[in-house]
Amino acid sequence: MKELSKVCLVYSIDMLGMGLSSRPIFNYDNAEDSIDFFVESLESWRKKVGIESFILGGHSFGGYISGHYCG
């Protein structure tokens, strides 16, 4: 991340409920609704920050959600 941030703007975020992020009520009982929850939260964040286009990468669960976000 340090080297990448020398050549472009980098955002490093925690998905909701992970790391130091907020812990909203999560009451989903199937995979599709759970995935939609995280994809929609990422899209909401993108809009609030005002990002029009970007390169998205993720690690572990973030990579899984990134794939669904782009798919």
PDB file of N, CA and C in Angstrom:
ATOM      1  N   MET A   1       0.823  -1.183   0.000  1.00  0.00           N
ATOM      2  CA  MET A   1       0.000   0.000   0.000  1.00  0.00           C
ATOM      3  C   MET A   1       0.874   1.256   0.000  1.00  0.00           C
ATOM      4  N   LYS A   2       1.951   1.218   0.744  1.00  0.00           N
ATOM      5  CA  LYS A   2       2.820   2.386   0.820  1.00  0.00           C
ATOM      6  C   LYS A   2       3.382   2.753  -0.556  1.00  0.00           C
ATOM      7  N   GLU A   3       3.882   1.776  -1.281  1.00  0.00           N
ATOM      8  CA  GLU A   3       4.444   2.042  -2.607  1.00  0.00           C
ATOM      9  C   GLU A   3       3.365   2.460  -3.600  1.00  0.00           C
ATOM     10  N   LEU A   4       2.223   1.815  -3.555  1.00  0.00           N
ATOM     11  CA  LEU A   4       1.127   2.159  -4.452  1.00  0.00           C
ATOM     12  C   LEU A   4       0.641   3.587  -4.215  1.00  0.00           C
ATOM     13  N   SER A   5       0.617   3.995  -2.958  1.00  0.00           N
ATOM     14  CA  SER A   5       0.140   5.341  -2.634  1.00  0.00           C
ATOM     15  C   SER A   5       1.089   6.435  -3.120  1.00  0.00           C
ATOM     16  N   LYS A   6       2.276   6.054  -3.527  1.00  0.00           N
ATOM     17  CA  LYS A   6       3.216   7.040  -4.078  1.00  0.00           C
ATOM     18  C   LYS A   6       2.852   7.423  -5.507  1.00  0.00           C
ATOM     19  N   VAL A   7       2.070   6.590  -6.190  1.00  0.00           N
ATOM     20  CA  VAL A   7       1.741   6.855  -7.594  1.00  0.00           C
ATOM     21  C   VAL A   7       0.255   7.083  -7.848  1.00  0.00           C
ATOM     22  N   CYS A   8      -0.589   6.829  -6.856  1.00  0.00           N
ATOM     23  CA  CYS A   8      -2.018   7.081  -7.037  1.00  0.00           C
ATOM     24  C   CYS A   8      -2.699   7.231  -5.672  1.00  0.00           C
ATOM     25  N   LEU A   9      -3.898   7.757  -5.705  1.00  0.00           N
ATOM     26  CA  LEU A   9      -4.689   7.925  -4.496  1.00  0.00           C
ATOM     27  C   LEU A   9      -5.221   6.561  -4.069  1.00  0.00           C
ATOM     28  N   VAL A  10      -5.000   6.191  -2.824  1.00  0.00           N
ATOM     29  CA  VAL A  10      -5.405   4.879  -2.322  1.00  0.00           C
ATOM     30  C   VAL A  10      -6.356   5.058  -1.149  1.00  0.00           C
ATOM     31  N   TYR A  11      -7.469   4.367  -1.199  1.00  0.00           N
ATOM     32  CA  TYR A  11      -8.391   4.279  -0.074  1.00  0.00           C
ATOM     33  C   TYR A  11      -8.296   2.858   0.465  1.00  0.00           C
ATOM     34  N   SER A  12      -8.155   2.736   1.751  1.00  0.00           N
ATOM     35  CA  SER A  12      -8.131   1.421   2.389  1.00  0.00           C
ATOM     36  C   SER A  12      -9.256   1.417   3.418  1.00  0.00           C
ATOM     37  N   ILE A  13     -10.280   0.629   3.162  1.00  0.00           N
ATOM     38  CA  ILE A  13     -11.466   0.680   4.012  1.00  0.00           C
ATOM     39  C   ILE A  13     -11.734  -0.681   4.652  1.00  0.00           C
ATOM     40  N   ASP A  14     -12.387  -0.651   5.785  1.00  0.00           N
ATOM     41  CA  ASP A  14     -12.901  -1.859   6.425  1.00  0.00           C
ATOM     42  C   ASP A  14     -14.348  -2.029   5.977  1.00  0.00           C
ATOM     43  N   MET A  15     -14.719  -3.232   5.627  1.00  0.00           N
ATOM     44  CA  MET A  15     -16.122  -3.505   5.314  1.00  0.00           C
ATOM     45  C   MET A  15     -16.930  -3.345   6.613  1.00  0.00           C
ATOM     46  N   LEU A  16     -18.206  -3.021   6.460  1.00  0.00           N
ATOM     47  CA  LEU A  16     -19.059  -2.861   7.637  1.00  0.00           C
ATOM     48  C   LEU A  16     -18.982  -4.085   8.535  1.00  0.00           C
ATOM     49  N   GLY A  17     -18.858  -3.833   9.820  1.00  0.00           N
ATOM     50  CA  GLY A  17     -18.809  -4.911  10.794  1.00  0.00           C
ATOM     51  C   GLY A  17     -17.444  -5.542  10.966  1.00  0.00           C
ATOM     52  N   MET A  18     -16.444  -5.035  10.261  1.00  0.00           N
ATOM     53  CA  MET A  18     -15.104  -5.617  10.320  1.00  0.00           C
ATOM     54  C   MET A  18     -14.107  -4.554  10.740  1.00  0.00           C
ATOM     55  N   GLY A  19     -13.009  -4.983  11.325  1.00  0.00           N
ATOM     56  CA  GLY A  19     -11.966  -4.050  11.735  1.00  0.00           C
ATOM     57  C   GLY A  19     -12.512  -2.986  12.671  1.00  0.00           C
ATOM     58  N   LEU A  20     -12.264  -1.737  12.333  1.00  0.00           N
ATOM     59  CA  LEU A  20     -12.705  -0.616  13.163  1.00  0.00           C
ATOM     60  C   LEU A  20     -13.967   0.056  12.624  1.00  0.00           C
ATOM     61  N   SER A  21     -14.639  -0.586  11.664  1.00  0.00           N
ATOM     62  CA  SER A  21     -15.847   0.010  11.094  1.00  0.00           C
ATOM     63  C   SER A  21     -17.034  -0.145  12.045  1.00  0.00           C
ATOM     64  N   SER A  22     -18.117   0.556  11.700  1.00  0.00           N
ATOM     65  CA  SER A  22     -19.326   0.457  12.526  1.00  0.00           C
ATOM     66  C   SER A  22     -19.920  -0.941  12.415  1.00  0.00           C
ATOM     67  N   ARG A  23     -20.741  -1.290  13.351  1.00  0.00           N
ATOM     68  CA  ARG A  23     -21.347  -2.613  13.403  1.00  0.00           C
ATOM     69  C   ARG A  23     -22.872  -2.483  13.323  1.00  0.00           C
ATOM     70  N   PRO A  24     -23.373  -2.283  12.106  1.00  0.00           N
ATOM     71  CA  PRO A  24     -24.822  -2.143  11.950  1.00  0.00           C
ATOM     72  C   PRO A  24     -25.530  -3.465  12.237  1.00  0.00           C
ATOM     73  N   ILE A  25     -26.818  -3.374  12.461  1.00  0.00           N
ATOM     74  CA  ILE A  25     -27.612  -4.584  12.664  1.00  0.00           C
ATOM     75  C   ILE A  25     -27.567  -5.403  11.381  1.00  0.00           C
ATOM     76  N   PHE A  26     -27.216  -6.655  11.510  1.00  0.00           N
ATOM     77  CA  PHE A  26     -27.095  -7.551  10.363  1.00  0.00           C
ATOM     78  C   PHE A  26     -28.022  -8.727  10.609  1.00  0.00           C
ATOM     79  N   ASN A  27     -29.102  -8.773   9.859  1.00  0.00           N
ATOM     80  CA  ASN A  27     -30.118  -9.789  10.106  1.00  0.00           C
ATOM     81  C   ASN A  27     -30.546 -10.449   8.791  1.00  0.00           C
ATOM     82  N   TYR A  28     -29.575 -11.041   8.099  1.00  0.00           N
ATOM     83  CA  TYR A  28     -29.866 -11.698   6.828  1.00  0.00           C
ATOM     84  C   TYR A  28     -29.666 -13.196   7.001  1.00  0.00           C
ATOM     85  N   ASP A  29     -30.533 -13.972   6.387  1.00  0.00           N
ATOM     86  CA  ASP A  29     -30.447 -15.420   6.579  1.00  0.00           C
ATOM     87  C   ASP A  29     -30.106 -16.180   5.299  1.00  0.00           C
ATOM     88  N   ASN A  30     -29.730 -15.451   4.236  1.00  0.00           N
ATOM     89  CA  ASN A  30     -29.297 -16.158   3.025  1.00  0.00           C
ATOM     90  C   ASN A  30     -28.118 -15.415   2.391  1.00  0.00           C
ATOM     91  N   ALA A  31     -27.348 -16.134   1.608  1.00  0.00           N
ATOM     92  CA  ALA A  31     -26.114 -15.591   1.036  1.00  0.00           C
ATOM     93  C   ALA A  31     -26.374 -14.416   0.105  1.00  0.00           C
ATOM     94  N   GLU A  32     -27.393 -14.513  -0.738  1.00  0.00           N
ATOM     95  CA  GLU A  32     -27.658 -13.455  -1.708  1.00  0.00           C
ATOM     96  C   GLU A  32     -27.940 -12.113  -1.032  1.00  0.00           C
ATOM     97  N   ASP A  33     -28.778 -12.114  -0.010  1.00  0.00           N
ATOM     98  CA  ASP A  33     -29.079 -10.868   0.711  1.00  0.00           C
ATOM     99  C   ASP A  33     -27.851 -10.351   1.451  1.00  0.00           C
ATOM    100  N   SER A  34     -27.044 -11.260   1.985  1.00  0.00           N
ATOM    101  CA  SER A  34     -25.822 -10.852   2.690  1.00  0.00           C
ATOM    102  C   SER A  34     -24.840 -10.188   1.729  1.00  0.00           C
ATOM    103  N   ILE A  35     -24.665 -10.781   0.564  1.00  0.00           N
ATOM    104  CA  ILE A  35     -23.764 -10.202  -0.443  1.00  0.00           C
ATOM    105  C   ILE A  35     -24.281  -8.834  -0.875  1.00  0.00           C
ATOM    106  N   ASP A  36     -25.571  -8.729  -1.136  1.00  0.00           N
ATOM    107  CA  ASP A  36     -26.166  -7.446  -1.527  1.00  0.00           C
ATOM    108  C   ASP A  36     -25.929  -6.376  -0.475  1.00  0.00           C
ATOM    109  N   PHE A  37     -26.008  -6.732   0.789  1.00  0.00           N
ATOM    110  CA  PHE A  37     -25.777  -5.792   1.890  1.00  0.00           C
ATOM    111  C   PHE A  37     -24.384  -5.167   1.771  1.00  0.00           C
ATOM    112  N   PHE A  38     -23.375  -6.000   1.576  1.00  0.00           N
ATOM    113  CA  PHE A  38     -22.005  -5.491   1.504  1.00  0.00           C
ATOM    114  C   PHE A  38     -21.734  -4.755   0.196  1.00  0.00           C
ATOM    115  N   VAL A  39     -22.254  -5.253  -0.909  1.00  0.00           N
ATOM    116  CA  VAL A  39     -22.068  -4.581  -2.202  1.00  0.00           C
ATOM    117  C   VAL A  39     -22.728  -3.201  -2.162  1.00  0.00           C
ATOM    118  N   GLU A  40     -23.936  -3.120  -1.642  1.00  0.00           N
ATOM    119  CA  GLU A  40     -24.642  -1.838  -1.558  1.00  0.00           C
ATOM    120  C   GLU A  40     -23.931  -0.875  -0.620  1.00  0.00           C
ATOM    121  N   SER A  41     -23.338  -1.371   0.463  1.00  0.00           N
ATOM    122  CA  SER A  41     -22.611  -0.479   1.368  1.00  0.00           C
ATOM    123  C   SER A  41     -21.371   0.085   0.684  1.00  0.00           C
ATOM    124  N   LEU A  42     -20.696  -0.728  -0.130  1.00  0.00           N
ATOM    125  CA  LEU A  42     -19.536  -0.255  -0.877  1.00  0.00           C
ATOM    126  C   LEU A  42     -19.944   0.790  -1.910  1.00  0.00           C
ATOM    127  N   GLU A  43     -21.034   0.549  -2.605  1.00  0.00           N
ATOM    128  CA  GLU A  43     -21.527   1.508  -3.597  1.00  0.00           C
ATOM    129  C   GLU A  43     -21.950   2.814  -2.932  1.00  0.00           C
ATOM    130  N   SER A  44     -22.583   2.734  -1.796  1.00  0.00           N
ATOM    131  CA  SER A  44     -22.982   3.932  -1.053  1.00  0.00           C
ATOM    132  C   SER A  44     -21.748   4.748  -0.651  1.00  0.00           C
ATOM    133  N   TRP A  45     -20.714   4.066  -0.175  1.00  0.00           N
ATOM    134  CA  TRP A  45     -19.473   4.746   0.200  1.00  0.00           C
ATOM    135  C   TRP A  45     -18.872   5.446  -1.019  1.00  0.00           C
ATOM    136  N   ARG A  46     -18.811   4.749  -2.176  1.00  0.00           N
ATOM    137  CA  ARG A  46     -18.244   5.321  -3.394  1.00  0.00           C
ATOM    138  C   ARG A  46     -18.962   6.613  -3.775  1.00  0.00           C
ATOM    139  N   LYS A  47     -20.282   6.596  -3.716  1.00  0.00           N
ATOM    140  CA  LYS A  47     -21.063   7.778  -4.065  1.00  0.00           C
ATOM    141  C   LYS A  47     -20.814   8.922  -3.091  1.00  0.00           C
ATOM    142  N   LYS A  48     -20.764   8.612  -1.800  1.00  0.00           N
ATOM    143  CA  LYS A  48     -20.547   9.660  -0.786  1.00  0.00           C
ATOM    144  C   LYS A  48     -19.180  10.308  -0.920  1.00  0.00           C
ATOM    145  N   VAL A  49     -18.179   9.529  -1.304  1.00  0.00           N
ATOM    146  CA  VAL A  49     -16.834  10.062  -1.487  1.00  0.00           C
ATOM    147  C   VAL A  49     -16.725  10.817  -2.811  1.00  0.00           C
ATOM    148  N   GLY A  50     -17.594  10.492  -3.763  1.00  0.00           N
ATOM    149  CA  GLY A  50     -17.601  11.179  -5.053  1.00  0.00           C
ATOM    150  C   GLY A  50     -16.656  10.577  -6.072  1.00  0.00           C
ATOM    151  N   ILE A  51     -16.418   9.296  -5.978  1.00  0.00           N
ATOM    152  CA  ILE A  51     -15.524   8.614  -6.903  1.00  0.00           C
ATOM    153  C   ILE A  51     -16.318   8.172  -8.129  1.00  0.00           C
ATOM    154  N   GLU A  52     -15.850   8.552  -9.314  1.00  0.00           N
ATOM    155  CA  GLU A  52     -16.534   8.170 -10.552  1.00  0.00           C
ATOM    156  C   GLU A  52     -15.998   6.873 -11.119  1.00  0.00           C
ATOM    157  N   SER A  53     -14.688   6.721 -11.146  1.00  0.00           N
ATOM    158  CA  SER A  53     -14.090   5.481 -11.631  1.00  0.00           C
ATOM    159  C   SER A  53     -12.878   5.155 -10.760  1.00  0.00           C
ATOM    160  N   PHE A  54     -12.592   3.866 -10.642  1.00  0.00           N
ATOM    161  CA  PHE A  54     -11.496   3.452  -9.775  1.00  0.00           C
ATOM    162  C   PHE A  54     -11.106   2.014 -10.067  1.00  0.00           C
ATOM    163  N   ILE A  55      -9.965   1.631  -9.567  1.00  0.00           N
ATOM    164  CA  ILE A  55      -9.512   0.242  -9.608  1.00  0.00           C
ATOM    165  C   ILE A  55      -9.768  -0.325  -8.223  1.00  0.00           C
ATOM    166  N   LEU A  56     -10.511  -1.413  -8.169  1.00  0.00           N
ATOM    167  CA  LEU A  56     -10.909  -1.999  -6.897  1.00  0.00           C
ATOM    168  C   LEU A  56     -10.138  -3.286  -6.650  1.00  0.00           C
ATOM    169  N   GLY A  57      -9.559  -3.387  -5.486  1.00  0.00           N
ATOM    170  CA  GLY A  57      -8.883  -4.613  -5.066  1.00  0.00           C
ATOM    171  C   GLY A  57      -9.369  -4.975  -3.684  1.00  0.00           C
ATOM    172  N   GLY A  58      -9.292  -6.208  -3.362  1.00  0.00           N
ATOM    173  CA  GLY A  58      -9.716  -6.631  -2.033  1.00  0.00           C
ATOM    174  C   GLY A  58      -8.942  -7.854  -1.591  1.00  0.00           C
ATOM    175  N   HIS A  59      -8.923  -8.080  -0.308  1.00  0.00           N
ATOM    176  CA  HIS A  59      -8.231  -9.224   0.273  1.00  0.00           C
ATOM    177  C   HIS A  59      -9.229 -10.044   1.074  1.00  0.00           C
ATOM    178  N   SER A  60      -9.162 -11.331   0.930  1.00  0.00           N
ATOM    179  CA  SER A  60     -10.011 -12.253   1.673  1.00  0.00           C
ATOM    180  C   SER A  60     -11.484 -11.943   1.401  1.00  0.00           C
ATOM    181  N   PHE A  61     -12.269 -11.654   2.423  1.00  0.00           N
ATOM    182  CA  PHE A  61     -13.687 -11.361   2.229  1.00  0.00           C
ATOM    183  C   PHE A  61     -13.882 -10.131   1.348  1.00  0.00           C
ATOM    184  N   GLY A  62     -12.993  -9.156   1.485  1.00  0.00           N
ATOM    185  CA  GLY A  62     -13.060  -7.963   0.637  1.00  0.00           C
ATOM    186  C   GLY A  62     -12.886  -8.297  -0.839  1.00  0.00           C
ATOM    187  N   GLY A  63     -12.045  -9.271  -1.141  1.00  0.00           N
ATOM    188  CA  GLY A  63     -11.881  -9.724  -2.514  1.00  0.00           C
ATOM    189  C   GLY A  63     -13.132 -10.392  -3.041  1.00  0.00           C
ATOM    190  N   TYR A  64     -13.769 -11.163  -2.196  1.00  0.00           N
ATOM    191  CA  TYR A  64     -15.015 -11.842  -2.557  1.00  0.00           C
ATOM    192  C   TYR A  64     -16.120 -10.820  -2.880  1.00  0.00           C
ATOM    193  N   ILE A  65     -16.262  -9.822  -2.010  1.00  0.00           N
ATOM    194  CA  ILE A  65     -17.259  -8.777  -2.223  1.00  0.00           C
ATOM    195  C   ILE A  65     -16.890  -7.929  -3.428  1.00  0.00           C
ATOM    196  N   SER A  66     -15.617  -7.650  -3.628  1.00  0.00           N
ATOM    197  CA  SER A  66     -15.168  -6.884  -4.796  1.00  0.00           C
ATOM    198  C   SER A  66     -15.571  -7.577  -6.090  1.00  0.00           C
ATOM    199  N   GLY A  67     -15.443  -8.884  -6.113  1.00  0.00           N
ATOM    200  CA  GLY A  67     -15.857  -9.643  -7.293  1.00  0.00           C
ATOM    201  C   GLY A  67     -17.347  -9.511  -7.571  1.00  0.00           C
ATOM    202  N   HIS A  68     -18.149  -9.522  -6.530  1.00  0.00           N
ATOM    203  CA  HIS A  68     -19.590  -9.355  -6.704  1.00  0.00           C
ATOM    204  C   HIS A  68     -19.936  -7.915  -7.084  1.00  0.00           C
ATOM    205  N   TYR A  69     -19.212  -6.962  -6.516  1.00  0.00           N
ATOM    206  CA  TYR A  69     -19.432  -5.552  -6.834  1.00  0.00           C
ATOM    207  C   TYR A  69     -19.179  -5.305  -8.318  1.00  0.00           C
ATOM    208  N   CYS A  70     -18.138  -5.884  -8.853  1.00  0.00           N
ATOM    209  CA  CYS A  70     -17.773  -5.665 -10.256  1.00  0.00           C
ATOM    210  C   CYS A  70     -18.556  -6.558 -11.212  1.00  0.00           C
ATOM    211  N   GLY A  71     -19.182  -7.591 -10.688  1.00  0.00           N
ATOM    212  CA  GLY A  71     -19.857  -8.580 -11.533  1.00  0.00           C
ATOM    213  C   GLY A  71     -21.187  -8.225 -11.937  1.00  0.00           C
TER     214      GLY A  71
END
